[in-house]
Amino acid sequence: MSHCTLTGTPFGTAPDGRPVQRWRLTSGNGVSADVLTYGGIVAGLRVPDRSGDAGDIVLGLSGMERYAEPHPFLGALVGRYANRIAHGAFTLDAEPHRVPVTDRGHALHGGPDGFDRRLWTGAPATANSDRLAALSLQLRSVHGDMGFPGTLDVQVTYSLDRRGTLAVDYRARTDRATVVNLTNHSYFNLAGAGHGDVLGHTLELDADAYLPVSPEAIPLGPAAPVAGTPFDFRTARPIGDRIDEDDAQLTDAGGYDHCWVLAPARAPDRLRRAAVLGDPGSGRRMEVWTTEPGIQVYTGNTLDGSLAGADAKPYERHGAVCLETQHFPDSPNRPEYPSTVLRPGEEYRTRTEFRFPHLTD
């Protein structure tokens, strides 16, 4: 088996004129990942199918000029708070804070100038070896950035091992109390980016409950059992199997855009399986493992063909699915949810892995 490698090349300039780099991680077994220093974006993820032919399974754009334009967080690292904060307002230690609202009157993914729009500092991680390619991205978010308290120092490490597993490790520290919820927002199509919709993909979620939401995608309250609902993916079934049912949770969102409550881990901070995605046509399978308590499943409901990759194939509605490991939406306003508060002296630390078992079965 070939060695894992990490190489960097120029990828245009950020909106502020600074140079952007594209780092390519290769596994030696046919898997490779392209990561940009702009937004920490996974711009490409090539994975062999059952016949050994590699194809790009994430939606990407043709160049840096396209990424600088508005797009729905394609492949990006999102923060300081992934998902939504109701009305862009929360109170922490009796002090109110406001985040600019961008989605139906609510804050989404850290505000209009979130981590997905920042230039991260990229460098090879110390873990690099013949068996592991690893890229370290670092970002400082100052006190008051998008309304969040505390100066937050963030390090995200993308690594790719010889089995083809892509891991994302998140770490952060703060100098005063704040809230943190980070994720990666890749759009997956295991048939290949731009190759139709994912409604025929099978999905299995290790979750007995999910969070119903208002028409504005804010949680209504406690988790609800998935049993007997279109949200039951405890056994694998096609994503499109029940997506068009007359259920307000689906019709309001135009599909799935909900957070599932994952089965508890056997021990704190221990990885457990969250999801299995499969494409019958290509034979590709992807498992998502995480230390996070939830996973947001978004079925590309607002994709409309206006975006396309380098091959000009348009990204149509339901042309991909996002599997965003994270804490729950609006947790800063929900004391009954797992806490997203980070205090000085503590370290935010979480890990998610994207595994491809069809390569090793």
Foldseek 3Di string as FASTA:
>chain_A
DFFWDKDKDWFQAAPVGHTKIWIWIDQQLFWIWIAILQQRFGQFIWDAFLVGDTFTFWFHAAGPVVLNDDDDQARGKFDQAAAWAALQWFDDPNRIWGADPDFPNINHRRHPCTSNRDRWDKDWDPPDDRFKGKIKTWDWQDACRRGWGWIKIKIWMWMAGNQGKTKIKIKMATAFKTFGKIWTWIWGDPVHQLPDAQQQKKKAFQFQWWFQADLRRHGPDDTDGCPPHLNHRNDIDGQNPCLPPPDCSNVSQVGFFTKGFHDADPDQQDKDWGMWIADVVRNWIKTKIKNAGIWTKDQQQPQCQPGHHSVSRGQHGSRGITTIGIFHHNQSVPVVGPGRMHGHPDMDIMMMMIGTCSSPD
